[in-house]
């Protein structure tokens, strides 16, 4: 399947599967096989928060500067974290990144953040 057709099919599938959760403020965690940037944005528009592991297939998604993220983490210690904020179609999202021994883990999310807010208890 062409990638744009796969994207639309995956987006429709996820919207259908999550229909009972619309506007309930729930968070869904997806495997990287379901990670489609546009699907997570579409879910947020109907009130479903989502997170998914990002993996490079043949190339990075147009909204994920994967190679630049990897370059940013070169030479950093294992466990180092950072995040990128973005806005697509009036939907805010974050890409959380963490340096592993052999790669940089990347997770797209439409909920949360890496910054502890004033007065929030640290665990």
C-alpha atoms as a PDB file:
ATOM      1  CA  UNK A   1       0.000   0.000   0.000  1.00  0.00           C
ATOM      2  CA  UNK A   2       1.161   3.541  -0.646  1.00  0.00           C
ATOM      3  CA  UNK A   3       2.108   5.210   2.641  1.00  0.00           C
ATOM      4  CA  UNK A   4      -0.659   7.844   2.425  1.00  0.00           C
ATOM      5  CA  UNK A   5      -3.301   5.119   1.998  1.00  0.00           C
ATOM      6  CA  UNK A   6      -1.848   3.166   4.950  1.00  0.00           C
ATOM      7  CA  UNK A   7      -1.925   6.386   7.012  1.00  0.00           C
ATOM      8  CA  UNK A   8      -5.591   7.006   6.251  1.00  0.00           C
ATOM      9  CA  UNK A   9      -6.538   3.391   6.958  1.00  0.00           C
ATOM     10  CA  UNK A  10      -4.677   3.346  10.261  1.00  0.00           C
ATOM     11  CA  UNK A  11      -6.185   6.698  11.256  1.00  0.00           C
ATOM     12  CA  UNK A  12      -9.734   5.506  10.482  1.00  0.00           C
ATOM     13  CA  UNK A  13      -9.120   2.237  12.364  1.00  0.00           C
ATOM     14  CA  UNK A  14      -7.833   3.984  15.489  1.00  0.00           C
ATOM     15  CA  UNK A  15     -10.671   6.520  15.459  1.00  0.00           C
ATOM     16  CA  UNK A  16     -13.206   3.692  15.170  1.00  0.00           C
ATOM     17  CA  UNK A  17     -11.561   1.584  17.907  1.00  0.00           C
ATOM     18  CA  UNK A  18     -11.409   4.523  20.310  1.00  0.00           C
ATOM     19  CA  UNK A  19     -14.935   5.803  19.617  1.00  0.00           C
ATOM     20  CA  UNK A  20     -16.237   4.960  23.096  1.00  0.00           C
ATOM     21  CA  UNK A  21     -13.462   7.084  24.625  1.00  0.00           C
ATOM     22  CA  UNK A  22     -14.211  10.347  22.784  1.00  0.00           C
ATOM     23  CA  UNK A  23     -14.190  13.391  25.093  1.00  0.00           C
ATOM     24  CA  UNK A  24     -13.454  11.296  28.184  1.00  0.00           C
ATOM     25  CA  UNK A  25      -9.849  12.462  28.656  1.00  0.00           C
ATOM     26  CA  UNK A  26      -8.406   8.942  28.538  1.00  0.00           C
ATOM     27  CA  UNK A  27      -4.852   8.162  27.415  1.00  0.00           C
ATOM     28  CA  UNK A  28      -4.076   5.391  24.937  1.00  0.00           C
ATOM     29  CA  UNK A  29      -0.535   3.984  24.609  1.00  0.00           C
ATOM     30  CA  UNK A  30       0.161   2.526  21.176  1.00  0.00           C
ATOM     31  CA  UNK A  31       2.776   0.152  19.899  1.00  0.00           C
ATOM     32  CA  UNK A  32       5.001   1.617  17.188  1.00  0.00           C
ATOM     33  CA  UNK A  33       3.110  -0.464  14.598  1.00  0.00           C
ATOM     34  CA  UNK A  34       0.124   1.857  15.120  1.00  0.00           C
ATOM     35  CA  UNK A  35       2.176   5.015  15.237  1.00  0.00           C
ATOM     36  CA  UNK A  36       0.824   7.363  12.620  1.00  0.00           C
ATOM     37  CA  UNK A  37       1.409  11.019  13.407  1.00  0.00           C
ATOM     38  CA  UNK A  38      -1.859  12.125  11.818  1.00  0.00           C
ATOM     39  CA  UNK A  39      -3.839   9.502  13.764  1.00  0.00           C
ATOM     40  CA  UNK A  40      -2.614  10.782  17.137  1.00  0.00           C
ATOM     41  CA  UNK A  41      -3.527  14.338  16.087  1.00  0.00           C
ATOM     42  CA  UNK A  42      -7.007  13.180  14.949  1.00  0.00           C
ATOM     43  CA  UNK A  43      -7.567  11.364  18.263  1.00  0.00           C
ATOM     44  CA  UNK A  44      -6.672  14.482  20.270  1.00  0.00           C
ATOM     45  CA  UNK A  45      -9.231  16.462  18.261  1.00  0.00           C
ATOM     46  CA  UNK A  46     -11.964  14.126  19.560  1.00  0.00           C
ATOM     47  CA  UNK A  47     -10.729  14.210  23.150  1.00  0.00           C
ATOM     48  CA  UNK A  48      -8.559  11.079  23.284  1.00  0.00           C
ATOM     49  CA  UNK A  49      -4.947  11.566  24.371  1.00  0.00           C
ATOM     50  CA  UNK A  50      -2.379   9.199  22.907  1.00  0.00           C
ATOM     51  CA  UNK A  51       1.284   8.240  23.047  1.00  0.00           C
ATOM     52  CA  UNK A  52       3.253   6.011  20.722  1.00  0.00           C
ATOM     53  CA  UNK A  53       6.816   4.912  20.219  1.00  0.00           C
ATOM     54  CA  UNK A  54       8.302   6.407  17.053  1.00  0.00           C
ATOM     55  CA  UNK A  55      10.377   4.206  14.787  1.00  0.00           C
ATOM     56  CA  UNK A  56      12.039   5.027  11.528  1.00  0.00           C
ATOM     57  CA  UNK A  57      10.722   2.873   8.733  1.00  0.00           C
ATOM     58  CA  UNK A  58      12.407   3.764   5.458  1.00  0.00           C
ATOM     59  CA  UNK A  59      12.453   7.403   6.509  1.00  0.00           C
ATOM     60  CA  UNK A  60      11.304   9.618   9.374  1.00  0.00           C
ATOM     61  CA  UNK A  61       7.835  11.158   9.340  1.00  0.00           C
ATOM     62  CA  UNK A  62       7.782  14.701   7.958  1.00  0.00           C
ATOM     63  CA  UNK A  63       7.055  15.989  11.481  1.00  0.00           C
ATOM     64  CA  UNK A  64       9.841  14.065  13.218  1.00  0.00           C
ATOM     65  CA  UNK A  65      13.392  15.386  12.799  1.00  0.00           C
ATOM     66  CA  UNK A  66      14.794  11.994  13.798  1.00  0.00           C
ATOM     67  CA  UNK A  67      18.315  12.480  12.465  1.00  0.00           C
ATOM     68  CA  UNK A  68      18.585  15.901  14.134  1.00  0.00           C
ATOM     69  CA  UNK A  69      17.375  14.378  17.423  1.00  0.00           C
ATOM     70  CA  UNK A  70      19.984  11.622  17.151  1.00  0.00           C
ATOM     71  CA  UNK A  71      22.694  14.242  16.471  1.00  0.00           C
ATOM     72  CA  UNK A  72      21.531  16.279  19.488  1.00  0.00           C
ATOM     73  CA  UNK A  73      22.090  13.265  21.757  1.00  0.00           C
ATOM     74  CA  UNK A  74      25.534  12.286  20.438  1.00  0.00           C
ATOM     75  CA  UNK A  75      27.992  12.304  23.298  1.00  0.00           C
ATOM     76  CA  UNK A  76      25.303  12.597  25.991  1.00  0.00           C
ATOM     77  CA  UNK A  77      25.030  10.141  28.872  1.00  0.00           C
ATOM     78  CA  UNK A  78      22.650   7.194  28.786  1.00  0.00           C
ATOM     79  CA  UNK A  79      19.428   8.318  30.458  1.00  0.00           C
ATOM     80  CA  UNK A  80      19.641  11.921  29.223  1.00  0.00           C
ATOM     81  CA  UNK A  81      16.222  13.266  28.239  1.00  0.00           C
ATOM     82  CA  UNK A  82      14.817  16.120  26.208  1.00  0.00           C
ATOM     83  CA  UNK A  83      11.643  16.951  24.343  1.00  0.00           C
ATOM     84  CA  UNK A  84      10.407  18.846  21.327  1.00  0.00           C
ATOM     85  CA  UNK A  85       7.117  20.697  21.317  1.00  0.00           C
ATOM     86  CA  UNK A  86       5.013  21.084  18.221  1.00  0.00           C
ATOM     87  CA  UNK A  87       1.657  22.306  16.946  1.00  0.00           C
ATOM     88  CA  UNK A  88      -0.272  20.764  14.046  1.00  0.00           C
ATOM     89  CA  UNK A  89      -3.858  21.767  13.185  1.00  0.00           C
ATOM     90  CA  UNK A  90      -4.160  23.578  16.569  1.00  0.00           C
ATOM     91  CA  UNK A  91      -3.146  20.375  18.408  1.00  0.00           C
ATOM     92  CA  UNK A  92      -0.148  20.573  20.744  1.00  0.00           C
ATOM     93  CA  UNK A  93       2.122  17.545  20.916  1.00  0.00           C
ATOM     94  CA  UNK A  94       5.486  16.589  22.358  1.00  0.00           C
ATOM     95  CA  UNK A  95       8.193  14.221  21.213  1.00  0.00           C
ATOM     96  CA  UNK A  96       9.927  12.840  24.296  1.00  0.00           C
ATOM     97  CA  UNK A  97      13.463  11.572  23.755  1.00  0.00           C
ATOM     98  CA  UNK A  98      15.777   9.520  25.948  1.00  0.00           C
ATOM     99  CA  UNK A  99      19.335   8.420  25.236  1.00  0.00           C
ATOM    100  CA  UNK A 100      19.753   4.659  25.351  1.00  0.00           C
ATOM    101  CA  UNK A 101      23.053   2.827  24.922  1.00  0.00           C
ATOM    102  CA  UNK A 102      22.577   2.098  21.195  1.00  0.00           C
ATOM    103  CA  UNK A 103      19.848   4.523  20.104  1.00  0.00           C
ATOM    104  CA  UNK A 104      17.642   7.439  21.115  1.00  0.00           C
ATOM    105  CA  UNK A 105      14.105   6.454  22.116  1.00  0.00           C
ATOM    106  CA  UNK A 106      11.446   8.786  20.716  1.00  0.00           C
ATOM    107  CA  UNK A 107       7.830   8.897  21.875  1.00  0.00           C
ATOM    108  CA  UNK A 108       5.166  11.172  20.439  1.00  0.00           C
ATOM    109  CA  UNK A 109       2.456  12.195  22.882  1.00  0.00           C
ATOM    110  CA  UNK A 110      -0.525  14.500  22.943  1.00  0.00           C
ATOM    111  CA  UNK A 111      -0.557  14.541  26.756  1.00  0.00           C
ATOM    112  CA  UNK A 112       1.868  15.475  29.481  1.00  0.00           C
ATOM    113  CA  UNK A 113       5.291  16.981  29.456  1.00  0.00           C
ATOM    114  CA  UNK A 114       8.768  16.548  30.895  1.00  0.00           C
ATOM    115  CA  UNK A 115       8.681  19.678  33.044  1.00  0.00           C
ATOM    116  CA  UNK A 116       7.488  19.490  36.666  1.00  0.00           C
ATOM    117  CA  UNK A 117       5.018  22.315  37.269  1.00  0.00           C
ATOM    118  CA  UNK A 118       5.228  24.584  40.328  1.00  0.00           C
ATOM    119  CA  UNK A 119       3.740  22.843  43.344  1.00  0.00           C
ATOM    120  CA  UNK A 120       3.658  19.424  41.664  1.00  0.00           C
ATOM    121  CA  UNK A 121       5.022  16.679  43.878  1.00  0.00           C
ATOM    122  CA  UNK A 122       8.147  14.948  42.593  1.00  0.00           C
ATOM    123  CA  UNK A 123       8.268  11.179  42.971  1.00  0.00           C
END
